[in-house]
Amino acid sequence: MPIALAYTVPGQTSELQELIQGCIRNERSAQEKLYHLFYPRMMGVVRRYIDQEMQAEEVLNNGFLRAFQKIEQYTFQGSFEGWLRKIVFHAVSDYVKQNVRYNEHIMLADKDQLVHKDHADRLYYNQLLELVQSLPDATRAVFNMYVMEGYAHKEIGKMLNISEGTSKWHLSEGRRMLKDKIEKLQLHYKK
């Protein structure tokens, strides 16, 4: 189900370019406008990994701070939102590395089974998001990076300072846990 956003983000318009130029000049008003313009989408990125609101806000603010410190490096080539998203994602990645303890002695589980399609079809986006946020921190981080962001296990391992095998285990464990949680919802409706 699509979600309607209450704001619009200009493309590579002169308005956005002026805001970026203002940020390069370290103008507080331009920084504030850019922050409010991209806050909802960037918070969405952060909340996929961090379920506690205060920590998510802190990580997002760190991401914006990094972006403002590096904004002169943006070359106006490609999407500004994509550039910003990458910086915010690195702030999330750093937070996860600092605050999540990984177990180095994890046995790999057998390939897990898929959740029955009928069960998944009956869940709404918010319900799925809640289920994903209920996963343990390390497992949620790997699951989101792999499923939502499209990173490979090798990339995830480098970003989170874990082995590729540990990344695969967390993904498998996350899928297994989500499958169990969805099945416990007992979504057996009449057809």
N, C-alpha and C. Protein backbone atom coordinates (compact mmCIF):
# COMPACT_ATOMS: atom_id res chain seq x y z
N MET A 1 0.84 -1.17 0.00
CA MET A 1 0.00 0.00 0.00
C MET A 1 0.89 1.24 0.00
N PRO A 2 0.83 2.10 -1.01
CA PRO A 2 1.69 3.27 -1.07
C PRO A 2 1.37 4.25 0.05
N ILE A 3 2.41 4.94 0.47
CA ILE A 3 2.26 5.93 1.53
C ILE A 3 2.40 7.31 0.90
N ALA A 4 1.43 8.16 1.11
CA ALA A 4 1.48 9.53 0.57
C ALA A 4 2.35 10.38 1.49
N LEU A 5 3.25 11.12 0.91
CA LEU A 5 4.11 11.99 1.69
C LEU A 5 3.54 13.41 1.68
N ALA A 6 3.69 14.08 2.81
CA ALA A 6 3.11 15.40 2.96
C ALA A 6 4.06 16.50 2.49
N TYR A 7 5.08 16.15 1.78
CA TYR A 7 6.02 17.13 1.30
C TYR A 7 6.55 16.67 -0.04
N THR A 8 7.19 17.56 -0.74
CA THR A 8 7.82 17.17 -1.99
C THR A 8 9.28 17.59 -1.93
N VAL A 9 10.12 16.75 -2.47
CA VAL A 9 11.53 17.06 -2.53
C VAL A 9 11.84 17.48 -3.95
N PRO A 10 12.33 18.70 -4.11
CA PRO A 10 12.64 19.13 -5.47
C PRO A 10 13.75 18.28 -6.06
N GLY A 11 13.72 18.09 -7.36
CA GLY A 11 14.78 17.35 -8.02
C GLY A 11 16.03 18.21 -8.04
N GLN A 12 16.79 18.12 -9.09
CA GLN A 12 17.98 18.95 -9.21
C GLN A 12 17.55 20.33 -9.70
N THR A 13 16.64 20.94 -8.96
CA THR A 13 16.11 22.24 -9.34
C THR A 13 17.04 23.33 -8.84
N SER A 14 16.81 24.51 -9.33
CA SER A 14 17.61 25.65 -8.87
C SER A 14 17.37 25.90 -7.38
N GLU A 15 16.14 25.60 -6.90
CA GLU A 15 15.84 25.78 -5.47
C GLU A 15 16.73 24.87 -4.61
N LEU A 16 16.83 23.61 -4.98
CA LEU A 16 17.69 22.69 -4.24
C LEU A 16 19.15 23.10 -4.38
N GLN A 17 19.55 23.49 -5.58
CA GLN A 17 20.94 23.92 -5.78
C GLN A 17 21.27 25.14 -4.93
N GLU A 18 20.31 26.06 -4.80
CA GLU A 18 20.53 27.24 -3.96
C GLU A 18 20.68 26.84 -2.50
N LEU A 19 19.85 25.89 -2.04
CA LEU A 19 19.97 25.42 -0.67
C LEU A 19 21.33 24.77 -0.43
N ILE A 20 21.78 23.96 -1.36
CA ILE A 20 23.08 23.30 -1.23
C ILE A 20 24.19 24.35 -1.22
N GLN A 21 24.10 25.32 -2.11
CA GLN A 21 25.11 26.40 -2.13
C GLN A 21 25.11 27.16 -0.81
N GLY A 22 23.92 27.40 -0.26
CA GLY A 22 23.83 28.07 1.03
C GLY A 22 24.48 27.24 2.12
N CYS A 23 24.30 25.93 2.08
CA CYS A 23 24.94 25.04 3.06
C CYS A 23 26.45 25.06 2.90
N ILE A 24 26.92 25.11 1.66
CA ILE A 24 28.37 25.20 1.42
C ILE A 24 28.92 26.47 2.04
N ARG A 25 28.13 27.56 1.99
CA ARG A 25 28.54 28.83 2.60
C ARG A 25 28.29 28.83 4.11
N ASN A 26 27.83 27.69 4.63
CA ASN A 26 27.57 27.50 6.07
C ASN A 26 26.46 28.43 6.58
N GLU A 27 25.44 28.66 5.73
CA GLU A 27 24.30 29.48 6.13
C GLU A 27 23.33 28.63 6.93
N ARG A 28 23.07 29.05 8.14
CA ARG A 28 22.22 28.30 9.07
C ARG A 28 20.81 28.09 8.50
N SER A 29 20.24 29.11 7.88
CA SER A 29 18.87 28.99 7.36
C SER A 29 18.79 27.96 6.24
N ALA A 30 19.80 27.89 5.39
CA ALA A 30 19.82 26.90 4.31
C ALA A 30 19.96 25.49 4.89
N GLN A 31 20.80 25.34 5.92
CA GLN A 31 20.95 24.04 6.56
C GLN A 31 19.63 23.59 7.18
N GLU A 32 18.94 24.51 7.82
CA GLU A 32 17.67 24.18 8.46
C GLU A 32 16.62 23.75 7.43
N LYS A 33 16.54 24.48 6.31
CA LYS A 33 15.58 24.13 5.27
C LYS A 33 15.89 22.76 4.65
N LEU A 34 17.16 22.52 4.40
CA LEU A 34 17.56 21.23 3.82
C LEU A 34 17.26 20.09 4.80
N TYR A 35 17.53 20.32 6.07
CA TYR A 35 17.25 19.33 7.11
C TYR A 35 15.76 18.98 7.13
N HIS A 36 14.91 19.99 7.18
CA HIS A 36 13.46 19.74 7.23
C HIS A 36 12.94 19.12 5.93
N LEU A 37 13.57 19.46 4.82
CA LEU A 37 13.14 18.92 3.53
C LEU A 37 13.38 17.41 3.44
N PHE A 38 14.54 16.96 3.94
CA PHE A 38 14.92 15.55 3.80
C PHE A 38 14.74 14.73 5.08
N TYR A 39 14.34 15.37 6.15
CA TYR A 39 14.19 14.67 7.44
C TYR A 39 13.29 13.42 7.35
N PRO A 40 12.07 13.52 6.81
CA PRO A 40 11.20 12.33 6.83
C PRO A 40 11.79 11.12 6.11
N ARG A 41 12.36 11.32 4.95
CA ARG A 41 12.91 10.19 4.19
C ARG A 41 14.14 9.61 4.86
N MET A 42 15.00 10.48 5.38
CA MET A 42 16.21 9.99 6.02
C MET A 42 15.87 9.31 7.35
N MET A 43 14.87 9.80 8.05
CA MET A 43 14.45 9.13 9.29
C MET A 43 13.91 7.74 8.96
N GLY A 44 13.25 7.60 7.83
CA GLY A 44 12.78 6.28 7.40
C GLY A 44 13.94 5.31 7.23
N VAL A 45 15.04 5.78 6.68
CA VAL A 45 16.23 4.94 6.52
C VAL A 45 16.74 4.51 7.90
N VAL A 46 16.85 5.47 8.80
CA VAL A 46 17.40 5.19 10.13
C VAL A 46 16.49 4.25 10.91
N ARG A 47 15.18 4.46 10.85
CA ARG A 47 14.25 3.66 11.65
C ARG A 47 14.18 2.20 11.21
N ARG A 48 14.63 1.91 10.02
CA ARG A 48 14.69 0.50 9.61
C ARG A 48 15.70 -0.27 10.45
N TYR A 49 16.68 0.44 10.98
CA TYR A 49 17.75 -0.20 11.73
C TYR A 49 17.67 0.05 13.23
N ILE A 50 17.15 1.19 13.62
CA ILE A 50 17.13 1.59 15.02
C ILE A 50 15.70 1.85 15.43
N ASP A 51 15.19 1.03 16.34
CA ASP A 51 13.79 1.15 16.69
C ASP A 51 13.51 2.14 17.81
N GLN A 52 14.49 2.51 18.58
CA GLN A 52 14.29 3.47 19.67
C GLN A 52 14.40 4.89 19.13
N GLU A 53 13.35 5.67 19.37
CA GLU A 53 13.21 6.99 18.75
C GLU A 53 14.37 7.93 19.09
N MET A 54 14.77 7.98 20.36
CA MET A 54 15.84 8.91 20.74
C MET A 54 17.16 8.57 20.06
N GLN A 55 17.49 7.27 20.00
CA GLN A 55 18.73 6.86 19.34
C GLN A 55 18.65 7.12 17.84
N ALA A 56 17.48 6.88 17.26
CA ALA A 56 17.31 7.13 15.83
C ALA A 56 17.51 8.62 15.52
N GLU A 57 16.94 9.46 16.35
CA GLU A 57 17.09 10.92 16.18
C GLU A 57 18.56 11.33 16.29
N GLU A 58 19.25 10.76 17.24
CA GLU A 58 20.67 11.07 17.44
C GLU A 58 21.50 10.64 16.22
N VAL A 59 21.24 9.44 15.73
CA VAL A 59 21.97 8.94 14.57
C VAL A 59 21.67 9.79 13.34
N LEU A 60 20.41 10.14 13.16
CA LEU A 60 20.05 10.97 12.01
C LEU A 60 20.74 12.33 12.09
N ASN A 61 20.74 12.93 13.26
CA ASN A 61 21.41 14.23 13.41
C ASN A 61 22.90 14.12 13.15
N ASN A 62 23.52 13.02 13.57
CA ASN A 62 24.93 12.79 13.26
C ASN A 62 25.14 12.68 11.75
N GLY A 63 24.20 12.01 11.08
CA GLY A 63 24.28 11.89 9.63
C GLY A 63 24.18 13.24 8.94
N PHE A 64 23.24 14.05 9.37
CA PHE A 64 23.11 15.39 8.78
C PHE A 64 24.35 16.24 9.08
N LEU A 65 24.88 16.13 10.29
CA LEU A 65 26.09 16.88 10.63
C LEU A 65 27.23 16.50 9.69
N ARG A 66 27.41 15.20 9.46
CA ARG A 66 28.44 14.74 8.52
C ARG A 66 28.19 15.30 7.12
N ALA A 67 26.91 15.28 6.71
CA ALA A 67 26.57 15.76 5.37
C ALA A 67 26.92 17.25 5.25
N PHE A 68 26.58 18.03 6.27
CA PHE A 68 26.89 19.46 6.22
C PHE A 68 28.40 19.70 6.23
N GLN A 69 29.14 18.86 6.91
CA GLN A 69 30.59 19.00 6.93
C GLN A 69 31.23 18.62 5.60
N LYS A 70 30.56 17.74 4.84
CA LYS A 70 31.11 17.26 3.57
C LYS A 70 30.37 17.81 2.35
N ILE A 71 29.46 18.71 2.55
CA ILE A 71 28.56 19.11 1.46
C ILE A 71 29.30 19.73 0.28
N GLU A 72 30.47 20.32 0.53
CA GLU A 72 31.22 20.89 -0.59
C GLU A 72 31.75 19.79 -1.51
N GLN A 73 31.73 18.54 -1.05
CA GLN A 73 32.17 17.41 -1.88
C GLN A 73 31.08 16.96 -2.85
N TYR A 74 29.84 17.39 -2.62
CA TYR A 74 28.76 17.03 -3.55
C TYR A 74 29.00 17.79 -4.85
N THR A 75 29.02 17.06 -5.96
CA THR A 75 29.41 17.63 -7.25
C THR A 75 28.23 17.99 -8.15
N PHE A 76 27.01 17.91 -7.64
CA PHE A 76 25.80 18.17 -8.41
C PHE A 76 25.64 17.18 -9.57
N GLN A 77 26.33 16.05 -9.45
CA GLN A 77 26.18 14.95 -10.40
C GLN A 77 25.38 13.87 -9.70
N GLY A 78 24.30 13.42 -10.28
CA GLY A 78 23.47 12.40 -9.65
C GLY A 78 22.55 13.01 -8.61
N SER A 79 21.82 12.16 -7.95
CA SER A 79 20.81 12.57 -7.00
C SER A 79 21.43 13.05 -5.69
N PHE A 80 21.03 14.23 -5.23
CA PHE A 80 21.47 14.71 -3.94
C PHE A 80 20.92 13.81 -2.84
N GLU A 81 19.66 13.38 -3.00
CA GLU A 81 19.05 12.51 -2.00
C GLU A 81 19.84 11.22 -1.86
N GLY A 82 20.29 10.66 -2.96
CA GLY A 82 21.10 9.44 -2.92
C GLY A 82 22.42 9.68 -2.20
N TRP A 83 23.04 10.84 -2.46
CA TRP A 83 24.29 11.22 -1.80
C TRP A 83 24.06 11.34 -0.30
N LEU A 84 23.00 12.01 0.09
CA LEU A 84 22.67 12.20 1.50
C LEU A 84 22.33 10.87 2.16
N ARG A 85 21.57 10.04 1.47
CA ARG A 85 21.17 8.73 2.00
C ARG A 85 22.41 7.89 2.32
N LYS A 86 23.42 7.96 1.46
CA LYS A 86 24.63 7.19 1.69
C LYS A 86 25.35 7.67 2.95
N ILE A 87 25.40 8.95 3.16
CA ILE A 87 26.05 9.50 4.35
C ILE A 87 25.27 9.12 5.61
N VAL A 88 23.96 9.23 5.55
CA VAL A 88 23.12 8.85 6.70
C VAL A 88 23.27 7.37 6.98
N PHE A 89 23.32 6.57 5.93
CA PHE A 89 23.49 5.13 6.12
C PHE A 89 24.81 4.82 6.82
N HIS A 90 25.88 5.55 6.47
CA HIS A 90 27.16 5.33 7.13
C HIS A 90 27.08 5.71 8.61
N ALA A 91 26.30 6.72 8.95
CA ALA A 91 26.09 7.07 10.36
C ALA A 91 25.38 5.92 11.08
N VAL A 92 24.40 5.33 10.41
CA VAL A 92 23.69 4.18 10.99
C VAL A 92 24.66 3.02 11.17
N SER A 93 25.44 2.75 10.15
CA SER A 93 26.41 1.65 10.20
C SER A 93 27.39 1.84 11.35
N ASP A 94 27.89 3.05 11.53
CA ASP A 94 28.81 3.33 12.63
C ASP A 94 28.13 3.11 13.99
N TYR A 95 26.88 3.52 14.10
CA TYR A 95 26.14 3.33 15.35
C TYR A 95 25.98 1.83 15.65
N VAL A 96 25.62 1.08 14.63
CA VAL A 96 25.42 -0.36 14.82
C VAL A 96 26.74 -1.01 15.23
N LYS A 97 27.84 -0.63 14.59
CA LYS A 97 29.14 -1.20 14.94
C LYS A 97 29.50 -0.91 16.39
N GLN A 98 29.21 0.29 16.86
CA GLN A 98 29.58 0.69 18.21
C GLN A 98 28.66 0.11 19.28
N ASN A 99 27.42 -0.19 18.94
CA ASN A 99 26.44 -0.53 19.96
C ASN A 99 25.90 -1.95 19.91
N VAL A 100 26.34 -2.73 18.97
CA VAL A 100 25.85 -4.10 18.86
C VAL A 100 27.02 -5.04 19.05
N ARG A 101 26.82 -6.00 19.92
CA ARG A 101 27.85 -7.00 20.19
C ARG A 101 27.57 -8.24 19.33
N TYR A 102 28.55 -8.61 18.54
CA TYR A 102 28.39 -9.77 17.68
C TYR A 102 29.08 -10.98 18.29
N ASN A 103 28.47 -12.14 18.11
CA ASN A 103 29.04 -13.38 18.59
C ASN A 103 29.87 -13.97 17.45
N GLU A 104 31.16 -14.12 17.67
CA GLU A 104 32.05 -14.63 16.63
C GLU A 104 31.96 -16.15 16.46
N HIS A 105 31.37 -16.85 17.41
CA HIS A 105 31.31 -18.31 17.36
C HIS A 105 29.90 -18.77 17.05
N ILE A 106 29.40 -18.39 15.91
CA ILE A 106 28.02 -18.71 15.54
C ILE A 106 28.05 -19.84 14.52
N MET A 107 27.24 -20.83 14.76
CA MET A 107 27.10 -21.92 13.78
C MET A 107 26.08 -21.50 12.72
N LEU A 108 26.36 -21.81 11.49
CA LEU A 108 25.43 -21.48 10.41
C LEU A 108 24.24 -22.42 10.45
N ALA A 109 23.06 -21.87 10.30
CA ALA A 109 21.84 -22.67 10.32
C ALA A 109 21.56 -23.19 8.91
N ASP A 110 20.73 -24.24 8.84
CA ASP A 110 20.30 -24.75 7.53
C ASP A 110 19.50 -23.70 6.82
N LYS A 111 19.43 -23.82 5.52
CA LYS A 111 18.63 -22.89 4.71
C LYS A 111 17.19 -22.88 5.22
N ASP A 112 16.68 -21.69 5.52
CA ASP A 112 15.34 -21.63 6.10
C ASP A 112 14.26 -21.67 5.01
N GLN A 113 13.07 -22.03 5.42
CA GLN A 113 11.96 -22.11 4.49
C GLN A 113 11.32 -20.74 4.34
N LEU A 114 10.69 -20.55 3.22
CA LEU A 114 10.00 -19.29 2.98
C LEU A 114 8.68 -19.24 3.73
N VAL A 115 8.27 -18.05 4.10
CA VAL A 115 6.96 -17.86 4.72
C VAL A 115 5.91 -18.06 3.64
N HIS A 116 4.85 -18.73 3.96
CA HIS A 116 3.78 -18.96 3.00
C HIS A 116 3.28 -17.62 2.47
N LYS A 117 3.15 -17.50 1.16
CA LYS A 117 2.79 -16.24 0.52
C LYS A 117 1.48 -15.66 1.05
N ASP A 118 0.50 -16.49 1.35
CA ASP A 118 -0.78 -15.98 1.86
C ASP A 118 -0.61 -15.23 3.17
N HIS A 119 0.29 -15.71 4.03
CA HIS A 119 0.52 -15.03 5.30
C HIS A 119 1.11 -13.65 5.07
N ALA A 120 2.12 -13.58 4.23
CA ALA A 120 2.78 -12.31 3.98
C ALA A 120 1.84 -11.32 3.31
N ASP A 121 0.98 -11.80 2.42
CA ASP A 121 0.05 -10.91 1.73
C ASP A 121 -0.94 -10.24 2.67
N ARG A 122 -1.20 -10.84 3.81
CA ARG A 122 -2.19 -10.31 4.73
C ARG A 122 -1.61 -9.29 5.71
N LEU A 123 -0.32 -9.12 5.68
CA LEU A 123 0.31 -8.16 6.59
C LEU A 123 0.38 -6.78 5.94
N TYR A 124 0.18 -5.77 6.72
CA TYR A 124 0.36 -4.41 6.25
C TYR A 124 1.80 -4.00 6.46
N TYR A 125 2.20 -2.95 5.77
CA TYR A 125 3.57 -2.46 5.86
C TYR A 125 3.98 -2.18 7.30
N ASN A 126 3.15 -1.49 8.06
CA ASN A 126 3.50 -1.14 9.44
C ASN A 126 3.67 -2.38 10.31
N GLN A 127 2.85 -3.39 10.08
CA GLN A 127 2.99 -4.63 10.84
C GLN A 127 4.33 -5.30 10.51
N LEU A 128 4.66 -5.33 9.23
CA LEU A 128 5.94 -5.92 8.84
C LEU A 128 7.10 -5.15 9.44
N LEU A 129 7.01 -3.82 9.41
CA LEU A 129 8.06 -2.99 9.98
C LEU A 129 8.23 -3.27 11.47
N GLU A 130 7.12 -3.41 12.19
CA GLU A 130 7.18 -3.73 13.62
C GLU A 130 7.85 -5.08 13.85
N LEU A 131 7.52 -6.04 13.01
CA LEU A 131 8.13 -7.37 13.15
C LEU A 131 9.64 -7.30 12.91
N VAL A 132 10.05 -6.56 11.88
CA VAL A 132 11.48 -6.42 11.60
C VAL A 132 12.17 -5.69 12.74
N GLN A 133 11.52 -4.65 13.29
CA GLN A 133 12.13 -3.90 14.39
C GLN A 133 12.23 -4.72 15.67
N SER A 134 11.46 -5.78 15.77
CA SER A 134 11.52 -6.62 16.96
C SER A 134 12.68 -7.61 16.93
N LEU A 135 13.38 -7.70 15.80
CA LEU A 135 14.53 -8.59 15.70
C LEU A 135 15.66 -8.06 16.58
N PRO A 136 16.55 -8.93 17.04
CA PRO A 136 17.73 -8.45 17.78
C PRO A 136 18.53 -7.48 16.92
N ASP A 137 19.22 -6.55 17.55
CA ASP A 137 19.90 -5.46 16.84
C ASP A 137 20.79 -5.93 15.69
N ALA A 138 21.68 -6.87 15.96
CA ALA A 138 22.62 -7.32 14.93
C ALA A 138 21.88 -7.98 13.77
N THR A 139 20.92 -8.81 14.09
CA THR A 139 20.15 -9.50 13.06
C THR A 139 19.34 -8.51 12.25
N ARG A 140 18.72 -7.54 12.91
CA ARG A 140 17.93 -6.52 12.21
C ARG A 140 18.81 -5.71 11.28
N ALA A 141 20.00 -5.35 11.74
CA ALA A 141 20.91 -4.55 10.90
C ALA A 141 21.27 -5.30 9.63
N VAL A 142 21.67 -6.55 9.77
CA VAL A 142 22.06 -7.34 8.59
C VAL A 142 20.85 -7.56 7.69
N PHE A 143 19.71 -7.90 8.28
CA PHE A 143 18.50 -8.13 7.49
C PHE A 143 18.16 -6.89 6.66
N ASN A 144 18.15 -5.72 7.27
CA ASN A 144 17.83 -4.49 6.56
C ASN A 144 18.85 -4.15 5.49
N MET A 145 20.12 -4.33 5.81
CA MET A 145 21.16 -4.01 4.83
C MET A 145 21.05 -4.92 3.60
N TYR A 146 20.73 -6.18 3.83
CA TYR A 146 20.64 -7.13 2.73
C TYR A 146 19.33 -6.98 1.97
N VAL A 147 18.21 -7.01 2.69
CA VAL A 147 16.89 -7.02 2.06
C VAL A 147 16.47 -5.63 1.58
N MET A 148 16.60 -4.63 2.44
CA MET A 148 16.09 -3.29 2.13
C MET A 148 17.06 -2.46 1.30
N GLU A 149 18.35 -2.57 1.62
CA GLU A 149 19.34 -1.72 0.96
C GLU A 149 20.05 -2.41 -0.19
N GLY A 150 19.98 -3.74 -0.25
CA GLY A 150 20.56 -4.47 -1.37
C GLY A 150 22.06 -4.71 -1.29
N TYR A 151 22.64 -4.62 -0.10
CA TYR A 151 24.07 -4.88 0.03
C TYR A 151 24.34 -6.38 -0.01
N ALA A 152 25.51 -6.74 -0.50
CA ALA A 152 25.94 -8.14 -0.52
C ALA A 152 26.54 -8.48 0.86
N HIS A 153 26.62 -9.76 1.17
CA HIS A 153 27.14 -10.18 2.47
C HIS A 153 28.59 -9.71 2.67
N LYS A 154 29.35 -9.70 1.61
CA LYS A 154 30.74 -9.26 1.71
C LYS A 154 30.79 -7.78 2.12
N GLU A 155 29.94 -6.96 1.50
CA GLU A 155 29.88 -5.53 1.84
C GLU A 155 29.40 -5.33 3.28
N ILE A 156 28.38 -6.08 3.66
CA ILE A 156 27.83 -5.98 5.03
C ILE A 156 28.92 -6.34 6.03
N GLY A 157 29.65 -7.41 5.75
CA GLY A 157 30.73 -7.83 6.64
C GLY A 157 31.76 -6.73 6.84
N LYS A 158 32.14 -6.07 5.76
CA LYS A 158 33.13 -4.98 5.86
C LYS A 158 32.57 -3.80 6.66
N MET A 159 31.32 -3.43 6.39
CA MET A 159 30.74 -2.27 7.06
C MET A 159 30.52 -2.51 8.54
N LEU A 160 30.15 -3.73 8.91
CA LEU A 160 29.85 -4.02 10.32
C LEU A 160 31.00 -4.72 11.03
N ASN A 161 32.10 -4.94 10.30
CA ASN A 161 33.28 -5.58 10.87
C ASN A 161 32.95 -6.98 11.39
N ILE A 162 32.23 -7.75 10.57
CA ILE A 162 31.91 -9.14 10.88
C ILE A 162 32.28 -9.98 9.66
N SER A 163 32.32 -11.28 9.83
CA SER A 163 32.64 -12.14 8.70
C SER A 163 31.44 -12.27 7.77
N GLU A 164 31.72 -12.66 6.55
CA GLU A 164 30.65 -12.87 5.57
C GLU A 164 29.72 -13.99 6.05
N GLY A 165 30.28 -15.01 6.68
CA GLY A 165 29.48 -16.12 7.21
C GLY A 165 28.56 -15.66 8.33
N THR A 166 29.05 -14.76 9.18
CA THR A 166 28.22 -14.23 10.26
C THR A 166 27.07 -13.41 9.69
N SER A 167 27.35 -12.66 8.63
CA SER A 167 26.30 -11.89 7.97
C SER A 167 25.23 -12.82 7.41
N LYS A 168 25.66 -13.90 6.78
CA LYS A 168 24.71 -14.87 6.23
C LYS A 168 23.88 -15.51 7.34
N TRP A 169 24.52 -15.80 8.46
CA TRP A 169 23.80 -16.40 9.58
C TRP A 169 22.73 -15.44 10.10
N HIS A 170 23.10 -14.16 10.27
CA HIS A 170 22.13 -13.18 10.77
C HIS A 170 20.94 -13.06 9.82
N LEU A 171 21.18 -13.08 8.51
CA LEU A 171 20.09 -13.02 7.54
C LEU A 171 19.19 -14.24 7.69
N SER A 172 19.80 -15.40 7.75
CA SER A 172 19.03 -16.63 7.89
C SER A 172 18.24 -16.63 9.19
N GLU A 173 18.87 -16.21 10.27
CA GLU A 173 18.21 -16.16 11.57
C GLU A 173 17.06 -15.14 11.55
N GLY A 174 17.28 -14.00 10.91
CA GLY A 174 16.22 -13.00 10.80
C GLY A 174 15.02 -13.54 10.03
N ARG A 175 15.27 -14.22 8.94
CA ARG A 175 14.18 -14.80 8.15
C ARG A 175 13.42 -15.85 8.97
N ARG A 176 14.17 -16.69 9.68
CA ARG A 176 13.54 -17.72 10.51
C ARG A 176 12.68 -17.08 11.59
N MET A 177 13.21 -16.06 12.25
CA MET A 177 12.47 -15.40 13.32
C MET A 177 11.22 -14.71 12.78
N LEU A 178 11.35 -14.06 11.63
CA LEU A 178 10.19 -13.39 11.03
C LEU A 178 9.13 -14.41 10.62
N LYS A 179 9.58 -15.51 10.05
CA LYS A 179 8.64 -16.57 9.66
C LYS A 179 7.86 -17.05 10.88
N ASP A 180 8.58 -17.29 11.98
CA ASP A 180 7.91 -17.74 13.22
C ASP A 180 6.93 -16.69 13.73
N LYS A 181 7.33 -15.44 13.71
CA LYS A 181 6.47 -14.36 14.20
C LYS A 181 5.21 -14.22 13.34
N ILE A 182 5.38 -14.33 12.03
CA ILE A 182 4.23 -14.22 11.12
C ILE A 182 3.28 -15.39 11.33
N GLU A 183 3.83 -16.58 11.48
CA GLU A 183 2.98 -17.76 11.70
C GLU A 183 2.23 -17.65 13.03
N LYS A 184 2.83 -17.04 14.04
CA LYS A 184 2.16 -16.88 15.34
C LYS A 184 1.00 -15.89 15.26
N LEU A 185 1.01 -15.04 14.24
CA LEU A 185 -0.10 -14.10 14.08
C LEU A 185 -1.37 -14.82 13.64
N GLN A 186 -1.24 -16.05 13.21
CA GLN A 186 -2.35 -16.88 12.79
C GLN A 186 -3.29 -16.13 11.82
N LEU A 187 -2.74 -15.83 10.70
CA LEU A 187 -3.48 -15.08 9.68
C LEU A 187 -4.26 -16.03 8.79
N HIS A 188 -5.16 -16.76 9.38
CA HIS A 188 -5.97 -17.72 8.63
C HIS A 188 -7.35 -17.12 8.43
N TYR A 189 -7.55 -16.48 7.32
CA TYR A 189 -8.84 -15.87 6.98
C TYR A 189 -9.57 -16.75 5.99
N LYS A 190 -10.87 -16.63 5.97
CA LYS A 190 -11.65 -17.33 4.95
C LYS A 190 -11.39 -16.66 3.60
N LYS A 191 -11.36 -17.49 2.59
CA LYS A 191 -11.15 -16.94 1.24
C LYS A 191 -12.45 -16.66 0.59
